């Protein structure tokens, strides 16, 4: 029984670490992976989602509906942002990096001025279940399932729908897609809006697990960029999943044995090693492996 409980605890920590990395990276997967926009305001979009969900819950809206509301509100904000500012910086990566950094400062400082330095947190829903001497949060178990479901839906959207086909065509060759009748400006707006909405969704889901403050988004930016960069751009969805699982496989046992801080150090070291050995990311390695298997078959 003790051995089973220990195994369950390790698997639980592996799942929560992977879910956390995926949730941090979801919006960035779309905006950086699909649009090649380095969005330094990603953390502040997650912060907006957390604030939206928190204020909705405080007004009596059930938490699941508050999470969906955060997705919609931040997604609409992203659409406006793309139309007014971001669209002027396509193909200018350095300019986009600077302007999104400026937006992150404006959003964080504006939230501080309007809403104050902190907001009462949402109580973690669910409760916990026990196995042996270990306790497992029901909410985090649900979060693992939600992160997996969102990744599956994102894969379906980009691989099984007309929008996904047009989006992939636009990202690969916008001029050719435009010549074939694709409204590329609409695709850019919807893609950025989707990425912003996913950031808001993730921020809302993580809101019960952290302090709600104007600068809370900063804690999510580094894990998000590490996950996406290690995953690579060949297939951003598969890369992010592979990256989050591989980094969690490193962080979980080290954190379990030596503490959370050394677990984080191990994750960062693993990311450096992976980038050195696979500079194009995990997804490029997986794609080459698949191509070799196909040729051999």
C-alpha atoms as a PDB file:
ATOM      1  CA  UNK A   1       0.000   0.000   0.000  1.00  0.00           C
ATOM      2  CA  UNK A   2       2.829   2.396   0.877  1.00  0.00           C
ATOM      3  CA  UNK A   3       4.525   1.687  -2.455  1.00  0.00           C
ATOM      4  CA  UNK A   4       1.285   2.290  -4.357  1.00  0.00           C
ATOM      5  CA  UNK A   5       0.700   5.546  -2.499  1.00  0.00           C
ATOM      6  CA  UNK A   6       4.262   6.711  -3.250  1.00  0.00           C
ATOM      7  CA  UNK A   7       3.841   5.900  -6.952  1.00  0.00           C
ATOM      8  CA  UNK A   8       0.517   7.740  -7.020  1.00  0.00           C
ATOM      9  CA  UNK A   9       2.148  10.764  -5.367  1.00  0.00           C
ATOM     10  CA  UNK A  10       4.985  10.866  -7.912  1.00  0.00           C
ATOM     11  CA  UNK A  11       2.554  10.519 -10.829  1.00  0.00           C
ATOM     12  CA  UNK A  12       0.358  13.228  -9.316  1.00  0.00           C
ATOM     13  CA  UNK A  13       3.300  15.622  -9.045  1.00  0.00           C
ATOM     14  CA  UNK A  14       4.377  14.754 -12.586  1.00  0.00           C
ATOM     15  CA  UNK A  15       0.861  15.518 -13.844  1.00  0.00           C
ATOM     16  CA  UNK A  16       0.556  18.784 -11.927  1.00  0.00           C
ATOM     17  CA  UNK A  17       3.976  20.004 -13.096  1.00  0.00           C
ATOM     18  CA  UNK A  18       3.162  19.157 -16.723  1.00  0.00           C
ATOM     19  CA  UNK A  19      -0.305  20.741 -16.456  1.00  0.00           C
ATOM     20  CA  UNK A  20       1.187  23.916 -14.961  1.00  0.00           C
ATOM     21  CA  UNK A  21       3.726  24.233 -17.785  1.00  0.00           C
ATOM     22  CA  UNK A  22       1.056  23.573 -20.426  1.00  0.00           C
ATOM     23  CA  UNK A  23      -1.367  26.077 -18.926  1.00  0.00           C
ATOM     24  CA  UNK A  24       1.368  28.706 -18.765  1.00  0.00           C
ATOM     25  CA  UNK A  25       2.269  28.081 -22.401  1.00  0.00           C
ATOM     26  CA  UNK A  26      -1.163  27.663 -24.034  1.00  0.00           C
ATOM     27  CA  UNK A  27      -1.633  31.238 -25.234  1.00  0.00           C
ATOM     28  CA  UNK A  28       2.020  31.588 -26.179  1.00  0.00           C
ATOM     29  CA  UNK A  29       1.825  28.383 -28.252  1.00  0.00           C
ATOM     30  CA  UNK A  30      -0.583  30.140 -30.605  1.00  0.00           C
ATOM     31  CA  UNK A  31       0.882  33.662 -30.658  1.00  0.00           C
ATOM     32  CA  UNK A  32       4.595  32.796 -30.777  1.00  0.00           C
ATOM     33  CA  UNK A  33       4.353  29.410 -32.456  1.00  0.00           C
ATOM     34  CA  UNK A  34       1.802  30.301 -35.124  1.00  0.00           C
ATOM     35  CA  UNK A  35       2.449  34.032 -35.625  1.00  0.00           C
ATOM     36  CA  UNK A  36       6.127  34.412 -34.658  1.00  0.00           C
ATOM     37  CA  UNK A  37       5.208  37.296 -32.346  1.00  0.00           C
ATOM     38  CA  UNK A  38       7.251  37.436 -29.139  1.00  0.00           C
ATOM     39  CA  UNK A  39       4.447  38.484 -26.808  1.00  0.00           C
ATOM     40  CA  UNK A  40       6.007  39.777 -23.600  1.00  0.00           C
ATOM     41  CA  UNK A  41       2.525  40.789 -22.411  1.00  0.00           C
ATOM     42  CA  UNK A  42       1.549  37.112 -22.147  1.00  0.00           C
ATOM     43  CA  UNK A  43       1.804  37.133 -18.349  1.00  0.00           C
ATOM     44  CA  UNK A  44      -0.370  40.238 -18.121  1.00  0.00           C
ATOM     45  CA  UNK A  45      -3.034  38.582 -20.295  1.00  0.00           C
ATOM     46  CA  UNK A  46      -3.020  35.702 -17.823  1.00  0.00           C
ATOM     47  CA  UNK A  47      -3.303  38.268 -15.030  1.00  0.00           C
ATOM     48  CA  UNK A  48      -6.341  39.777 -16.756  1.00  0.00           C
ATOM     49  CA  UNK A  49      -7.943  36.344 -16.894  1.00  0.00           C
ATOM     50  CA  UNK A  50      -7.293  35.795 -13.193  1.00  0.00           C
ATOM     51  CA  UNK A  51      -8.771  39.192 -12.290  1.00  0.00           C
ATOM     52  CA  UNK A  52     -11.809  38.652 -14.530  1.00  0.00           C
ATOM     53  CA  UNK A  53     -12.554  35.249 -12.991  1.00  0.00           C
ATOM     54  CA  UNK A  54     -11.966  36.523  -9.445  1.00  0.00           C
ATOM     55  CA  UNK A  55     -14.283  39.514  -9.839  1.00  0.00           C
ATOM     56  CA  UNK A  56     -16.920  37.303 -11.466  1.00  0.00           C
ATOM     57  CA  UNK A  57     -16.803  34.787  -8.603  1.00  0.00           C
ATOM     58  CA  UNK A  58     -17.048  37.619  -6.068  1.00  0.00           C
ATOM     59  CA  UNK A  59     -20.287  38.666  -7.787  1.00  0.00           C
ATOM     60  CA  UNK A  60     -21.808  35.224  -7.426  1.00  0.00           C
ATOM     61  CA  UNK A  61     -20.986  33.689 -10.816  1.00  0.00           C
ATOM     62  CA  UNK A  62     -20.034  29.971 -10.561  1.00  0.00           C
ATOM     63  CA  UNK A  63     -16.323  29.370 -11.044  1.00  0.00           C
ATOM     64  CA  UNK A  64     -16.607  27.315 -14.293  1.00  0.00           C
ATOM     65  CA  UNK A  65     -18.643  30.117 -15.895  1.00  0.00           C
ATOM     66  CA  UNK A  66     -16.152  32.672 -14.572  1.00  0.00           C
ATOM     67  CA  UNK A  67     -13.345  30.777 -16.330  1.00  0.00           C
ATOM     68  CA  UNK A  68     -15.266  30.835 -19.629  1.00  0.00           C
ATOM     69  CA  UNK A  69     -15.997  34.531 -19.106  1.00  0.00           C
ATOM     70  CA  UNK A  70     -12.274  35.183 -18.666  1.00  0.00           C
ATOM     71  CA  UNK A  71     -11.589  33.395 -21.960  1.00  0.00           C
ATOM     72  CA  UNK A  72     -14.138  35.561 -23.784  1.00  0.00           C
ATOM     73  CA  UNK A  73     -13.161  38.887 -22.167  1.00  0.00           C
ATOM     74  CA  UNK A  74      -9.410  38.483 -22.682  1.00  0.00           C
ATOM     75  CA  UNK A  75      -9.986  37.079 -26.181  1.00  0.00           C
ATOM     76  CA  UNK A  76     -11.994  40.167 -27.159  1.00  0.00           C
ATOM     77  CA  UNK A  77      -9.312  42.376 -25.618  1.00  0.00           C
ATOM     78  CA  UNK A  78      -6.736  40.520 -27.708  1.00  0.00           C
ATOM     79  CA  UNK A  79      -8.742  41.150 -30.886  1.00  0.00           C
ATOM     80  CA  UNK A  80      -8.827  44.895 -30.145  1.00  0.00           C
ATOM     81  CA  UNK A  81      -5.118  44.851 -29.302  1.00  0.00           C
ATOM     82  CA  UNK A  82      -4.284  43.126 -32.573  1.00  0.00           C
ATOM     83  CA  UNK A  83      -6.339  45.570 -34.635  1.00  0.00           C
ATOM     84  CA  UNK A  84      -5.002  48.716 -33.006  1.00  0.00           C
ATOM     85  CA  UNK A  85      -1.353  47.867 -32.261  1.00  0.00           C
ATOM     86  CA  UNK A  86       0.051  44.387 -32.938  1.00  0.00           C
ATOM     87  CA  UNK A  87      -0.857  44.204 -36.639  1.00  0.00           C
ATOM     88  CA  UNK A  88       1.595  47.025 -37.344  1.00  0.00           C
ATOM     89  CA  UNK A  89       4.522  44.851 -36.249  1.00  0.00           C
ATOM     90  CA  UNK A  90       4.118  41.647 -38.272  1.00  0.00           C
ATOM     91  CA  UNK A  91       7.492  40.700 -39.705  1.00  0.00           C
ATOM     92  CA  UNK A  92       9.246  43.050 -37.255  1.00  0.00           C
ATOM     93  CA  UNK A  93      10.076  40.722 -34.373  1.00  0.00           C
ATOM     94  CA  UNK A  94      12.176  43.235 -32.415  1.00  0.00           C
ATOM     95  CA  UNK A  95       9.497  45.916 -32.740  1.00  0.00           C
ATOM     96  CA  UNK A  96       6.804  43.469 -31.597  1.00  0.00           C
ATOM     97  CA  UNK A  97       8.945  42.464 -28.614  1.00  0.00           C
ATOM     98  CA  UNK A  98       9.390  46.101 -27.528  1.00  0.00           C
ATOM     99  CA  UNK A  99       5.744  47.073 -27.991  1.00  0.00           C
ATOM    100  CA  UNK A 100       4.407  44.016 -26.125  1.00  0.00           C
ATOM    101  CA  UNK A 101       6.876  44.739 -23.308  1.00  0.00           C
ATOM    102  CA  UNK A 102       5.453  48.253 -23.150  1.00  0.00           C
ATOM    103  CA  UNK A 103       1.924  46.852 -23.105  1.00  0.00           C
ATOM    104  CA  UNK A 104       2.853  44.549 -20.224  1.00  0.00           C
ATOM    105  CA  UNK A 105       4.032  47.532 -18.189  1.00  0.00           C
ATOM    106  CA  UNK A 106       0.882  49.516 -18.988  1.00  0.00           C
ATOM    107  CA  UNK A 107      -1.432  46.626 -18.092  1.00  0.00           C
ATOM    108  CA  UNK A 108       0.334  45.838 -14.811  1.00  0.00           C
ATOM    109  CA  UNK A 109       0.653  49.440 -13.680  1.00  0.00           C
ATOM    110  CA  UNK A 110      -2.866  50.272 -14.845  1.00  0.00           C
ATOM    111  CA  UNK A 111      -4.257  47.361 -12.833  1.00  0.00           C
ATOM    112  CA  UNK A 112      -2.306  48.529  -9.792  1.00  0.00           C
ATOM    113  CA  UNK A 113      -3.726  52.056 -10.081  1.00  0.00           C
ATOM    114  CA  UNK A 114      -7.318  50.994 -10.780  1.00  0.00           C
ATOM    115  CA  UNK A 115      -7.708  47.937  -8.546  1.00  0.00           C
ATOM    116  CA  UNK A 116      -5.011  48.262  -5.920  1.00  0.00           C
ATOM    117  CA  UNK A 117      -2.063  46.071  -4.934  1.00  0.00           C
ATOM    118  CA  UNK A 118      -3.977  42.848  -4.331  1.00  0.00           C
ATOM    119  CA  UNK A 119      -7.371  41.163  -4.524  1.00  0.00           C
ATOM    120  CA  UNK A 120      -8.862  38.483  -2.261  1.00  0.00           C
ATOM    121  CA  UNK A 121      -8.111  35.083  -3.775  1.00  0.00           C
ATOM    122  CA  UNK A 122     -10.632  32.517  -4.919  1.00  0.00           C
ATOM    123  CA  UNK A 123     -10.999  29.552  -2.598  1.00  0.00           C
ATOM    124  CA  UNK A 124      -9.649  26.389  -4.216  1.00  0.00           C
ATOM    125  CA  UNK A 125     -12.686  24.335  -5.331  1.00  0.00           C
ATOM    126  CA  UNK A 126     -13.050  20.630  -4.681  1.00  0.00           C
ATOM    127  CA  UNK A 127     -11.165  19.511  -1.627  1.00  0.00           C
ATOM    128  CA  UNK A 128      -8.773  16.577  -1.512  1.00  0.00           C
ATOM    129  CA  UNK A 129      -8.575  12.804  -1.576  1.00  0.00           C
ATOM    130  CA  UNK A 130      -6.125  10.687   0.408  1.00  0.00           C
ATOM    131  CA  UNK A 131      -4.163   7.551  -0.369  1.00  0.00           C
ATOM    132  CA  UNK A 132      -2.002   6.289   2.450  1.00  0.00           C
ATOM    133  CA  UNK A 133      -0.055   9.201   3.897  1.00  0.00           C
ATOM    134  CA  UNK A 134      -0.435  11.324   0.756  1.00  0.00           C
ATOM    135  CA  UNK A 135      -3.180  13.823  -0.067  1.00  0.00           C
ATOM    136  CA  UNK A 136      -4.187  14.889  -3.597  1.00  0.00           C
ATOM    137  CA  UNK A 137      -6.035  18.070  -4.550  1.00  0.00           C
ATOM    138  CA  UNK A 138      -9.189  17.330  -6.524  1.00  0.00           C
ATOM    139  CA  UNK A 139      -8.848  20.708  -8.237  1.00  0.00           C
ATOM    140  CA  UNK A 140      -5.387  19.880  -9.569  1.00  0.00           C
ATOM    141  CA  UNK A 141      -6.632  16.510 -10.815  1.00  0.00           C
ATOM    142  CA  UNK A 142      -9.318  18.401 -12.733  1.00  0.00           C
ATOM    143  CA  UNK A 143      -6.697  20.860 -13.989  1.00  0.00           C
ATOM    144  CA  UNK A 144      -4.655  17.995 -15.447  1.00  0.00           C
ATOM    145  CA  UNK A 145      -7.736  16.791 -17.342  1.00  0.00           C
ATOM    146  CA  UNK A 146      -8.619  20.324 -18.480  1.00  0.00           C
ATOM    147  CA  UNK A 147      -5.087  21.002 -19.772  1.00  0.00           C
ATOM    148  CA  UNK A 148      -5.180  17.743 -21.758  1.00  0.00           C
ATOM    149  CA  UNK A 149      -8.655  18.550 -23.123  1.00  0.00           C
ATOM    150  CA  UNK A 150      -7.638  22.046 -24.244  1.00  0.00           C
ATOM    151  CA  UNK A 151      -4.579  20.667 -26.057  1.00  0.00           C
ATOM    152  CA  UNK A 152      -6.775  18.107 -27.863  1.00  0.00           C
ATOM    153  CA  UNK A 153      -9.269  20.826 -28.851  1.00  0.00           C
ATOM    154  CA  UNK A 154      -6.432  23.056 -30.087  1.00  0.00           C
ATOM    155  CA  UNK A 155      -5.030  20.191 -32.168  1.00  0.00           C
ATOM    156  CA  UNK A 156      -8.492  19.526 -33.625  1.00  0.00           C
ATOM    157  CA  UNK A 157      -9.000  23.211 -34.419  1.00  0.00           C
ATOM    158  CA  UNK A 158      -5.736  23.526 -36.341  1.00  0.00           C
ATOM    159  CA  UNK A 159      -5.804  20.138 -38.067  1.00  0.00           C
ATOM    160  CA  UNK A 160      -9.465  19.352 -38.721  1.00  0.00           C
ATOM    161  CA  UNK A 161     -11.197  22.660 -39.477  1.00  0.00           C
ATOM    162  CA  UNK A 162     -11.228  25.165 -42.337  1.00  0.00           C
ATOM    163  CA  UNK A 163      -9.974  27.870 -40.006  1.00  0.00           C
ATOM    164  CA  UNK A 164      -7.022  25.683 -39.047  1.00  0.00           C
ATOM    165  CA  UNK A 165      -6.162  25.036 -42.703  1.00  0.00           C
ATOM    166  CA  UNK A 166      -6.333  28.744 -43.521  1.00  0.00           C
ATOM    167  CA  UNK A 167      -4.344  29.645 -40.407  1.00  0.00           C
ATOM    168  CA  UNK A 168      -1.544  27.194 -41.207  1.00  0.00           C
ATOM    169  CA  UNK A 169      -1.446  28.411 -44.807  1.00  0.00           C
ATOM    170  CA  UNK A 170      -1.270  32.031 -43.666  1.00  0.00           C
ATOM    171  CA  UNK A 171       1.546  31.357 -41.231  1.00  0.00           C
ATOM    172  CA  UNK A 172       3.569  29.406 -43.815  1.00  0.00           C
ATOM    173  CA  UNK A 173       3.105  31.795 -46.763  1.00  0.00           C
ATOM    174  CA  UNK A 174       0.778  34.741 -46.261  1.00  0.00           C
ATOM    175  CA  UNK A 175       1.154  36.053 -49.812  1.00  0.00           C
ATOM    176  CA  UNK A 176       0.206  32.709 -51.365  1.00  0.00           C
ATOM    177  CA  UNK A 177      -2.709  32.274 -48.947  1.00  0.00           C
ATOM    178  CA  UNK A 178      -3.943  35.759 -49.849  1.00  0.00           C
ATOM    179  CA  UNK A 179      -3.697  34.925 -53.552  1.00  0.00           C
ATOM    180  CA  UNK A 180      -5.861  31.837 -52.930  1.00  0.00           C
ATOM    181  CA  UNK A 181      -8.589  33.952 -51.360  1.00  0.00           C
ATOM    182  CA  UNK A 182      -7.792  33.651 -47.647  1.00  0.00           C
ATOM    183  CA  UNK A 183      -8.580  36.760 -45.616  1.00  0.00           C
ATOM    184  CA  UNK A 184      -5.205  36.863 -43.900  1.00  0.00           C
ATOM    185  CA  UNK A 185      -6.003  39.958 -41.811  1.00  0.00           C
ATOM    186  CA  UNK A 186      -9.003  38.123 -40.342  1.00  0.00           C
ATOM    187  CA  UNK A 187      -6.845  35.045 -39.677  1.00  0.00           C
ATOM    188  CA  UNK A 188      -4.217  37.137 -37.887  1.00  0.00           C
ATOM    189  CA  UNK A 189      -6.859  38.810 -35.722  1.00  0.00           C
ATOM    190  CA  UNK A 190      -8.592  35.533 -34.813  1.00  0.00           C
ATOM    191  CA  UNK A 191      -5.288  33.805 -34.085  1.00  0.00           C
ATOM    192  CA  UNK A 192      -4.055  36.556 -31.783  1.00  0.00           C
ATOM    193  CA  UNK A 193      -7.489  36.711 -30.148  1.00  0.00           C
ATOM    194  CA  UNK A 194      -7.423  32.937 -29.581  1.00  0.00           C
ATOM    195  CA  UNK A 195      -3.950  33.110 -28.052  1.00  0.00           C
ATOM    196  CA  UNK A 196      -5.002  35.944 -25.751  1.00  0.00           C
ATOM    197  CA  UNK A 197      -8.179  34.090 -24.789  1.00  0.00           C
ATOM    198  CA  UNK A 198      -6.216  30.950 -23.933  1.00  0.00           C
ATOM    199  CA  UNK A 199      -3.873  33.042 -21.773  1.00  0.00           C
ATOM    200  CA  UNK A 200      -6.928  34.453 -19.988  1.00  0.00           C
ATOM    201  CA  UNK A 201      -8.376  30.970 -19.574  1.00  0.00           C
ATOM    202  CA  UNK A 202      -5.125  29.703 -18.066  1.00  0.00           C
ATOM    203  CA  UNK A 203      -4.875  32.691 -15.744  1.00  0.00           C
ATOM    204  CA  UNK A 204      -8.428  32.070 -14.535  1.00  0.00           C
ATOM    205  CA  UNK A 205      -7.740  28.367 -13.949  1.00  0.00           C
ATOM    206  CA  UNK A 206      -4.566  29.150 -11.992  1.00  0.00           C
ATOM    207  CA  UNK A 207      -6.194  31.984 -10.006  1.00  0.00           C
ATOM    208  CA  UNK A 208      -7.247  29.800  -7.041  1.00  0.00           C
ATOM    209  CA  UNK A 209      -3.690  28.497  -6.687  1.00  0.00           C
ATOM    210  CA  UNK A 210      -1.851  31.820  -6.401  1.00  0.00           C
ATOM    211  CA  UNK A 211      -2.059  35.364  -5.053  1.00  0.00           C
ATOM    212  CA  UNK A 212      -4.079  37.779  -7.187  1.00  0.00           C
ATOM    213  CA  UNK A 213      -1.938  40.865  -7.783  1.00  0.00           C
ATOM    214  CA  UNK A 214      -1.115  43.231 -10.688  1.00  0.00           C
ATOM    215  CA  UNK A 215       2.342  41.719 -11.228  1.00  0.00           C
ATOM    216  CA  UNK A 216       1.335  38.075 -10.820  1.00  0.00           C
ATOM    217  CA  UNK A 217       1.826  37.432 -14.540  1.00  0.00           C
ATOM    218  CA  UNK A 218       5.594  37.649 -14.218  1.00  0.00           C
ATOM    219  CA  UNK A 219       5.737  34.235 -12.540  1.00  0.00           C
ATOM    220  CA  UNK A 220       4.186  32.591 -15.618  1.00  0.00           C
ATOM    221  CA  UNK A 221       6.287  34.171 -18.380  1.00  0.00           C
ATOM    222  CA  UNK A 222       9.514  32.200 -17.878  1.00  0.00           C
ATOM    223  CA  UNK A 223       7.843  28.739 -17.687  1.00  0.00           C
ATOM    224  CA  UNK A 224       5.737  29.620 -20.743  1.00  0.00           C
ATOM    225  CA  UNK A 225       8.692  30.677 -22.904  1.00  0.00           C
ATOM    226  CA  UNK A 226      10.836  27.751 -21.738  1.00  0.00           C
ATOM    227  CA  UNK A 227       8.073  25.277 -22.623  1.00  0.00           C
ATOM    228  CA  UNK A 228       7.445  26.756 -26.069  1.00  0.00           C
ATOM    229  CA  UNK A 229      11.117  27.247 -26.999  1.00  0.00           C
ATOM    230  CA  UNK A 230      12.129  23.747 -25.877  1.00  0.00           C
ATOM    231  CA  UNK A 231       9.134  22.376 -27.793  1.00  0.00           C
ATOM    232  CA  UNK A 232      10.161  24.082 -31.027  1.00  0.00           C
ATOM    233  CA  UNK A 233       8.199  25.527 -33.939  1.00  0.00           C
ATOM    234  CA  UNK A 234       7.996  22.498 -36.251  1.00  0.00           C
ATOM    235  CA  UNK A 235       4.782  21.386 -34.552  1.00  0.00           C
ATOM    236  CA  UNK A 236       4.051  23.764 -31.694  1.00  0.00           C
ATOM    237  CA  UNK A 237       1.259  21.709 -30.115  1.00  0.00           C
ATOM    238  CA  UNK A 238       3.129  18.396 -30.106  1.00  0.00           C
ATOM    239  CA  UNK A 239       6.283  20.241 -29.119  1.00  0.00           C
ATOM    240  CA  UNK A 240       4.649  21.914 -26.131  1.00  0.00           C
ATOM    241  CA  UNK A 241       3.188  18.618 -24.935  1.00  0.00           C
ATOM    242  CA  UNK A 242       6.521  16.825 -25.326  1.00  0.00           C
ATOM    243  CA  UNK A 243       8.378  19.718 -23.715  1.00  0.00           C
ATOM    244  CA  UNK A 244       6.076  19.925 -20.684  1.00  0.00           C
ATOM    245  CA  UNK A 245       6.245  16.157 -20.130  1.00  0.00           C
ATOM    246  CA  UNK A 246      10.016  15.935 -20.529  1.00  0.00           C
ATOM    247  CA  UNK A 247      10.714  18.931 -18.301  1.00  0.00           C
ATOM    248  CA  UNK A 248       8.291  17.544 -15.711  1.00  0.00           C
ATOM    249  CA  UNK A 249      10.069  14.192 -15.803  1.00  0.00           C
ATOM    250  CA  UNK A 250      13.209  16.064 -14.753  1.00  0.00           C
ATOM    251  CA  UNK A 251      11.637  18.438 -12.241  1.00  0.00           C
ATOM    252  CA  UNK A 252       9.361  15.962 -10.450  1.00  0.00           C
ATOM    253  CA  UNK A 253      11.890  13.440  -9.039  1.00  0.00           C
ATOM    254  CA  UNK A 254      14.428  16.153  -8.170  1.00  0.00           C
ATOM    255  CA  UNK A 255      11.764  18.242  -6.465  1.00  0.00           C
ATOM    256  CA  UNK A 256      10.368  15.186  -4.697  1.00  0.00           C
ATOM    257  CA  UNK A 257      13.765  14.214  -3.279  1.00  0.00           C
ATOM    258  CA  UNK A 258      15.489  17.567  -2.747  1.00  0.00           C
ATOM    259  CA  UNK A 259      12.768  20.223  -2.600  1.00  0.00           C
ATOM    260  CA  UNK A 260      10.904  22.574  -4.947  1.00  0.00           C
ATOM    261  CA  UNK A 261      13.780  25.033  -5.454  1.00  0.00           C
ATOM    262  CA  UNK A 262      16.242  22.402  -6.668  1.00  0.00           C
ATOM    263  CA  UNK A 263      13.463  20.963  -8.804  1.00  0.00           C
ATOM    264  CA  UNK A 264      13.156  24.327 -10.549  1.00  0.00           C
ATOM    265  CA  UNK A 265      16.936  24.527 -10.969  1.00  0.00           C
ATOM    266  CA  UNK A 266      16.909  21.050 -12.521  1.00  0.00           C
ATOM    267  CA  UNK A 267      14.162  22.127 -14.923  1.00  0.00           C
ATOM    268  CA  UNK A 268      16.172  25.155 -16.091  1.00  0.00           C
ATOM    269  CA  UNK A 269      19.332  23.056 -16.482  1.00  0.00           C
ATOM    270  CA  UNK A 270      17.394  20.432 -18.453  1.00  0.00           C
ATOM    271  CA  UNK A 271      16.015  23.152 -20.729  1.00  0.00           C
ATOM    272  CA  UNK A 272      19.567  24.380 -21.468  1.00  0.00           C
ATOM    273  CA  UNK A 273      20.750  20.855 -22.249  1.00  0.00           C
ATOM    274  CA  UNK A 274      17.768  20.106 -24.505  1.00  0.00           C
ATOM    275  CA  UNK A 275      18.196  23.366 -26.438  1.00  0.00           C
ATOM    276  CA  UNK A 276      21.914  22.611 -26.854  1.00  0.00           C
ATOM    277  CA  UNK A 277      21.300  19.060 -28.090  1.00  0.00           C
ATOM    278  CA  UNK A 278      18.129  19.849 -30.071  1.00  0.00           C
ATOM    279  CA  UNK A 279      18.378  23.513 -31.153  1.00  0.00           C
ATOM    280  CA  UNK A 280      15.253  23.193 -33.319  1.00  0.00           C
ATOM    281  CA  UNK A 281      13.235  21.860 -30.408  1.00  0.00           C
ATOM    282  CA  UNK A 282      11.642  18.572 -29.456  1.00  0.00           C
ATOM    283  CA  UNK A 283       9.031  18.801 -32.210  1.00  0.00           C
ATOM    284  CA  UNK A 284      11.721  18.897 -34.928  1.00  0.00           C
ATOM    285  CA  UNK A 285      13.332  15.785 -33.437  1.00  0.00           C
ATOM    286  CA  UNK A 286       9.955  14.034 -33.324  1.00  0.00           C
ATOM    287  CA  UNK A 287       9.242  15.044 -36.919  1.00  0.00           C
ATOM    288  CA  UNK A 288      12.578  13.660 -38.141  1.00  0.00           C
ATOM    289  CA  UNK A 289      11.959  10.444 -36.217  1.00  0.00           C
ATOM    290  CA  UNK A 290       8.518  10.137 -37.815  1.00  0.00           C
ATOM    291  CA  UNK A 291       9.935  10.812 -41.297  1.00  0.00           C
ATOM    292  CA  UNK A 292      12.578   8.082 -40.829  1.00  0.00           C
ATOM    293  CA  UNK A 293       9.930   5.612 -39.666  1.00  0.00           C
ATOM    294  CA  UNK A 294       7.785   6.474 -42.682  1.00  0.00           C
ATOM    295  CA  UNK A 295      10.682   5.952 -45.135  1.00  0.00           C
ATOM    296  CA  UNK A 296      11.583   2.614 -43.527  1.00  0.00           C
ATOM    297  CA  UNK A 297       7.958   1.455 -43.701  1.00  0.00           C
END
